[in-house]
N, C-alpha and C. Protein backbone atom coordinates (compact mmCIF):
# COMPACT_ATOMS: atom_id res chain seq x y z
N MET A 1 71.95 50.73 93.96
CA MET A 1 72.72 51.87 94.28
C MET A 1 71.95 53.12 94.42
N GLU A 2 70.94 53.17 93.38
CA GLU A 2 70.07 54.41 93.50
C GLU A 2 69.33 54.53 94.85
N TRP A 3 68.87 53.52 95.29
CA TRP A 3 68.14 53.28 96.58
C TRP A 3 68.99 53.87 97.83
N PHE A 4 70.09 53.27 97.78
CA PHE A 4 70.99 53.53 98.80
C PHE A 4 71.24 55.21 98.74
N GLU A 5 71.40 55.62 97.54
CA GLU A 5 71.76 57.17 97.40
C GLU A 5 70.63 57.88 97.93
N ARG A 6 69.29 57.46 97.57
CA ARG A 6 68.17 58.19 98.07
C ARG A 6 67.95 58.18 99.46
N ALA A 7 68.28 56.96 100.03
CA ALA A 7 68.19 56.82 101.55
C ALA A 7 69.17 57.62 102.20
N SER A 8 70.42 57.59 101.73
CA SER A 8 71.55 58.32 102.22
C SER A 8 71.21 59.85 102.19
N LEU A 9 70.71 60.48 101.26
CA LEU A 9 70.32 61.89 101.07
C LEU A 9 69.26 62.14 101.97
N ALA A 10 68.35 61.16 102.40
CA ALA A 10 67.28 61.37 103.41
C ALA A 10 67.83 61.30 104.77
N GLY A 11 69.18 61.03 104.95
CA GLY A 11 69.69 61.03 106.37
C GLY A 11 70.07 59.66 106.98
N ASP A 12 69.93 58.61 106.11
CA ASP A 12 70.20 57.34 106.65
C ASP A 12 71.65 56.94 106.55
N ASP A 13 72.29 56.75 107.73
CA ASP A 13 73.76 56.44 107.78
C ASP A 13 74.12 55.03 107.32
N VAL A 14 73.15 54.26 107.52
CA VAL A 14 73.49 52.91 106.98
C VAL A 14 73.46 52.86 105.52
N ALA A 15 72.65 53.44 104.91
CA ALA A 15 72.56 53.57 103.37
C ALA A 15 73.92 54.35 102.87
N ALA A 16 74.34 55.32 103.58
CA ALA A 16 75.49 56.13 103.22
C ALA A 16 76.72 54.98 103.31
N PHE A 17 76.79 54.24 104.37
CA PHE A 17 77.84 53.31 104.60
C PHE A 17 77.73 52.32 103.50
N ASN A 18 76.61 51.74 103.15
CA ASN A 18 76.54 50.68 102.19
C ASN A 18 76.86 51.12 100.73
N LEU A 19 76.49 52.43 100.60
CA LEU A 19 76.91 53.03 99.32
C LEU A 19 78.47 53.15 99.23
N ALA A 20 79.06 53.63 100.26
CA ALA A 20 80.42 53.73 100.21
C ALA A 20 81.12 52.36 100.12
N VAL A 21 80.69 51.30 100.67
CA VAL A 21 81.23 50.03 100.60
C VAL A 21 81.15 49.50 99.16
N MET A 22 80.07 49.79 98.57
CA MET A 22 79.90 49.48 97.04
C MET A 22 80.95 50.11 96.18
N LEU A 23 81.07 51.48 96.42
CA LEU A 23 82.14 52.18 95.76
C LEU A 23 83.47 51.89 96.00
N ASP A 24 83.72 51.65 97.27
CA ASP A 24 85.08 51.09 97.85
C ASP A 24 85.50 49.84 97.36
N GLU A 25 84.58 48.88 97.20
CA GLU A 25 85.06 47.49 96.65
C GLU A 25 85.00 47.44 95.24
N GLY A 26 83.96 48.22 94.57
CA GLY A 26 83.90 48.10 93.19
C GLY A 26 83.28 46.78 92.53
N LYS A 27 82.45 46.05 93.45
CA LYS A 27 81.88 44.76 93.06
C LYS A 27 80.58 44.86 92.15
N LEU A 28 79.88 45.86 92.54
CA LEU A 28 78.52 45.87 91.86
C LEU A 28 78.51 47.26 91.03
N VAL A 29 79.50 48.05 91.30
CA VAL A 29 79.63 49.47 90.47
C VAL A 29 81.09 49.69 90.27
N PRO A 30 81.45 50.39 89.37
CA PRO A 30 82.91 50.78 89.22
C PRO A 30 83.51 51.32 90.39
N GLU A 31 84.54 50.98 90.76
CA GLU A 31 85.29 51.33 92.05
C GLU A 31 85.61 52.92 91.98
N ASP A 32 85.25 53.60 92.96
CA ASP A 32 85.63 55.01 93.09
C ASP A 32 85.91 55.28 94.49
N ASN A 33 87.21 55.24 94.82
CA ASN A 33 87.57 55.49 96.19
C ASN A 33 87.37 56.88 96.91
N GLY A 34 87.32 57.87 95.83
CA GLY A 34 87.20 59.14 96.28
C GLY A 34 85.61 59.48 96.77
N LYS A 35 84.79 58.83 95.95
CA LYS A 35 83.42 58.92 96.31
C LYS A 35 83.04 58.14 97.41
N ALA A 36 83.71 56.87 97.57
CA ALA A 36 83.68 56.16 98.84
C ALA A 36 83.98 56.84 100.01
N ALA A 37 85.05 57.49 99.94
CA ALA A 37 85.48 58.34 101.16
C ALA A 37 84.46 59.43 101.68
N LYS A 38 83.80 60.08 100.57
CA LYS A 38 82.91 61.01 100.84
C LYS A 38 81.55 60.46 101.64
N PHE A 39 81.20 59.27 101.18
CA PHE A 39 80.01 58.67 101.80
C PHE A 39 80.42 57.97 103.14
N TYR A 40 81.62 57.54 103.23
CA TYR A 40 82.07 56.97 104.57
C TYR A 40 81.97 58.26 105.56
N ARG A 41 82.45 59.35 105.13
CA ARG A 41 82.59 60.52 105.91
C ARG A 41 81.15 60.94 106.35
N LEU A 42 80.23 60.99 105.22
CA LEU A 42 78.85 61.29 105.57
C LEU A 42 78.23 60.25 106.73
N ALA A 43 78.46 59.00 106.46
CA ALA A 43 78.04 58.01 107.51
C ALA A 43 78.67 58.15 108.76
N ALA A 44 79.89 58.52 108.81
CA ALA A 44 80.71 58.62 110.06
C ALA A 44 80.21 59.90 110.86
N ASP A 45 79.87 60.93 110.09
CA ASP A 45 79.46 62.24 110.74
C ASP A 45 78.04 61.96 111.36
N ARG A 46 77.37 61.00 110.78
CA ARG A 46 76.09 60.46 111.32
C ARG A 46 76.10 59.52 112.56
N GLY A 47 77.22 59.21 112.83
CA GLY A 47 77.58 58.25 113.99
C GLY A 47 77.65 56.74 113.51
N ASN A 48 77.98 56.41 112.35
CA ASN A 48 78.11 55.03 111.90
C ASN A 48 79.51 54.71 112.27
N VAL A 49 79.75 53.80 113.26
CA VAL A 49 80.97 53.31 113.66
C VAL A 49 81.94 52.54 112.56
N ASP A 50 81.27 51.69 111.84
CA ASP A 50 81.75 51.02 110.80
C ASP A 50 82.32 52.19 109.78
N ALA A 51 81.63 53.07 109.51
CA ALA A 51 82.11 54.13 108.45
C ALA A 51 83.34 54.85 108.99
N MET A 52 83.37 55.02 110.36
CA MET A 52 84.53 55.62 111.02
C MET A 52 85.78 54.69 110.81
N VAL A 53 85.43 53.47 111.05
CA VAL A 53 86.81 52.58 110.80
C VAL A 53 87.24 52.64 109.37
N ASN A 54 86.31 52.41 108.48
CA ASN A 54 86.72 52.39 106.94
C ASN A 54 87.33 53.68 106.60
N LEU A 55 86.82 54.82 107.08
CA LEU A 55 87.27 56.13 106.67
C LEU A 55 88.84 56.25 107.33
N GLY A 56 88.80 55.75 108.59
CA GLY A 56 90.24 55.65 109.29
C GLY A 56 91.20 55.06 108.43
N LEU A 57 90.78 53.72 107.91
CA LEU A 57 91.72 53.03 107.02
C LEU A 57 92.09 53.73 105.77
N MET A 58 91.13 54.37 105.20
CA MET A 58 91.52 55.18 103.83
C MET A 58 92.41 56.38 104.19
N LEU A 59 92.14 57.01 105.29
CA LEU A 59 92.88 58.22 105.77
C LEU A 59 94.51 57.71 105.98
N GLY A 60 94.50 56.71 106.70
CA GLY A 60 95.63 56.15 107.13
C GLY A 60 96.55 55.63 105.87
N ASN A 61 95.93 55.17 104.81
CA ASN A 61 96.72 54.49 103.63
C ASN A 61 96.72 55.57 102.48
N GLY A 62 95.93 56.53 102.65
CA GLY A 62 95.77 57.55 101.53
C GLY A 62 95.22 56.98 100.34
N GLU A 63 94.09 56.17 100.69
CA GLU A 63 93.23 55.42 99.59
C GLU A 63 92.13 56.33 99.27
N GLY A 64 92.15 56.95 97.93
CA GLY A 64 91.09 57.68 97.47
C GLY A 64 91.10 59.22 98.04
N ILE A 65 91.81 59.40 99.09
CA ILE A 65 92.01 60.62 99.71
C ILE A 65 93.42 60.76 100.09
N ALA A 66 93.66 62.20 100.40
CA ALA A 66 95.02 62.42 100.73
C ALA A 66 95.40 61.67 102.13
N LYS A 67 96.62 61.09 102.16
CA LYS A 67 96.92 60.51 103.60
C LYS A 67 97.10 61.40 104.72
N ASP A 68 96.33 61.15 105.80
CA ASP A 68 96.34 62.13 106.74
C ASP A 68 96.19 61.26 108.17
N ILE A 69 97.44 61.05 108.68
CA ILE A 69 97.45 60.26 109.97
C ILE A 69 96.84 60.90 111.20
N PRO A 70 96.91 62.03 111.40
CA PRO A 70 96.08 62.64 112.53
C PRO A 70 94.52 62.46 112.32
N ALA A 71 94.06 62.57 110.99
CA ALA A 71 92.67 62.49 110.87
C ALA A 71 92.18 60.94 110.98
N ALA A 72 93.18 60.10 110.53
CA ALA A 72 92.78 58.67 110.73
C ALA A 72 92.85 58.19 112.09
N ARG A 73 93.83 58.90 113.05
CA ARG A 73 93.71 58.64 114.39
C ARG A 73 92.40 59.11 115.14
N ASN A 74 91.84 60.27 114.60
CA ASN A 74 90.67 60.92 115.19
C ASN A 74 89.51 59.89 114.81
N MET A 75 89.49 59.34 113.62
CA MET A 75 88.35 58.53 113.28
C MET A 75 88.55 57.09 113.93
N PHE A 76 89.72 56.61 114.19
CA PHE A 76 89.81 55.50 115.14
C PHE A 76 89.38 55.70 116.57
N ARG A 77 89.74 56.79 117.06
CA ARG A 77 89.51 57.26 118.44
C ARG A 77 87.94 57.35 118.60
N LYS A 78 87.28 57.91 117.64
CA LYS A 78 85.73 57.99 117.61
C LYS A 78 85.16 56.62 117.72
N ALA A 79 85.58 55.83 116.87
CA ALA A 79 85.12 54.34 116.81
C ALA A 79 85.40 53.75 118.05
N ALA A 80 86.73 53.82 118.46
CA ALA A 80 87.04 53.05 119.68
C ALA A 80 86.25 53.65 120.94
N ASN A 81 85.84 54.86 121.04
CA ASN A 81 85.10 55.37 122.10
C ASN A 81 83.70 54.82 122.05
N GLU A 82 83.32 54.42 120.87
CA GLU A 82 82.03 53.67 120.77
C GLU A 82 82.11 52.08 120.98
N GLY A 83 83.27 51.65 121.27
CA GLY A 83 83.47 50.30 121.77
C GLY A 83 83.97 49.37 120.67
N ASP A 84 84.53 49.91 119.60
CA ASP A 84 84.93 49.11 118.42
C ASP A 84 86.38 48.62 118.73
N THR A 85 86.54 47.41 118.78
CA THR A 85 87.88 46.75 119.26
C THR A 85 88.87 46.87 118.06
N PHE A 86 88.48 46.68 116.85
CA PHE A 86 89.41 46.86 115.83
C PHE A 86 89.92 48.25 115.75
N ALA A 87 89.16 49.28 116.03
CA ALA A 87 89.50 50.62 116.02
C ALA A 87 90.64 50.91 117.15
N GLU A 88 90.35 50.21 118.39
CA GLU A 88 91.30 50.39 119.43
C GLU A 88 92.67 49.79 119.03
N ARG A 89 92.62 48.71 118.28
CA ARG A 89 93.97 48.09 117.84
C ARG A 89 94.54 49.12 116.93
N LYS A 90 93.80 49.54 115.86
CA LYS A 90 94.48 50.55 114.79
C LYS A 90 95.08 51.74 115.66
N LEU A 91 94.31 52.26 116.61
CA LEU A 91 94.75 53.33 117.33
C LEU A 91 96.03 53.13 118.07
N ALA A 92 96.06 52.04 118.58
CA ALA A 92 97.28 51.48 119.40
C ALA A 92 98.44 51.37 118.38
N GLU A 93 98.17 50.87 117.24
CA GLU A 93 99.32 50.79 116.20
C GLU A 93 99.74 52.16 115.97
N LEU A 94 98.92 53.09 115.57
CA LEU A 94 99.32 54.39 115.41
C LEU A 94 100.29 55.01 116.43
N ASP A 95 99.45 54.93 117.74
CA ASP A 95 100.16 55.47 118.71
C ASP A 95 101.56 54.77 119.01
N GLY A 96 101.78 53.42 118.73
CA GLY A 96 102.91 52.80 118.94
C GLY A 96 103.93 53.25 117.87
N ASN A 97 103.49 53.50 116.73
CA ASN A 97 104.47 53.92 115.57
C ASN A 97 104.94 55.32 115.91
N ASP A 98 104.13 56.13 116.42
CA ASP A 98 104.55 57.57 116.95
C ASP A 98 105.66 57.44 118.03
N ALA A 99 105.29 56.53 119.10
CA ALA A 99 106.34 56.41 120.07
C ALA A 99 107.62 55.90 119.60
N PHE A 100 107.71 54.90 118.65
CA PHE A 100 108.85 54.30 118.06
C PHE A 100 109.53 55.52 117.19
N GLN A 101 108.88 56.26 116.47
CA GLN A 101 109.59 57.30 115.70
C GLN A 101 110.11 58.32 116.53
N THR A 102 109.31 58.66 117.70
CA THR A 102 109.89 59.64 118.57
C THR A 102 111.18 59.16 119.13
N ALA A 103 111.11 57.91 119.76
CA ALA A 103 112.37 57.31 120.33
C ALA A 103 113.52 57.30 119.43
N MET A 104 113.17 56.93 118.08
CA MET A 104 114.30 56.88 117.17
C MET A 104 114.84 58.25 116.82
N LEU A 105 113.97 59.22 116.71
CA LEU A 105 114.41 60.63 116.58
C LEU A 105 115.43 61.03 117.78
N GLY A 106 114.94 60.66 118.87
CA GLY A 106 115.78 61.05 120.02
C GLY A 106 117.14 60.30 120.15
N LYS A 107 117.21 59.09 119.60
CA LYS A 107 118.55 58.40 119.53
C LYS A 107 119.34 59.03 118.54
N THR A 108 118.77 59.39 117.36
CA THR A 108 119.63 59.73 116.31
C THR A 108 120.10 61.20 116.57
N SER A 109 119.42 62.11 117.21
CA SER A 109 119.78 63.38 117.62
C SER A 109 120.98 63.38 118.68
N ARG A 110 121.20 62.19 119.37
CA ARG A 110 122.13 62.17 120.31
C ARG A 110 123.39 61.81 119.80
N ILE A 111 123.49 61.19 118.56
CA ILE A 111 124.73 60.68 117.88
C ILE A 111 125.59 61.96 117.52
N LYS A 112 126.88 61.73 117.89
CA LYS A 112 127.73 63.08 117.67
C LYS A 112 128.85 62.56 116.83
């Protein structure tokens, strides 16, 4: 963990991602989703697509950080733009849920 942290501080996005995974899963170190989210964000800001996806999942579920669907959508969009097919599916799910909710709101507002 110490070496991943050092490499992360030196600008290595893969090290930041690996450190985030360790903290997220809690297998080799105590689980700390708040810190995991910070390292995922650091790696995502450096262009790490896997970190974008994992941060999107955390944002979408409110795991370790406040639930933020627009921010999750943004992370998935960035990863999808880099060709990540899982992110494309997650983005479609979020967009589909929004379309469904909009349709339901439209139907309920017409009921008299």
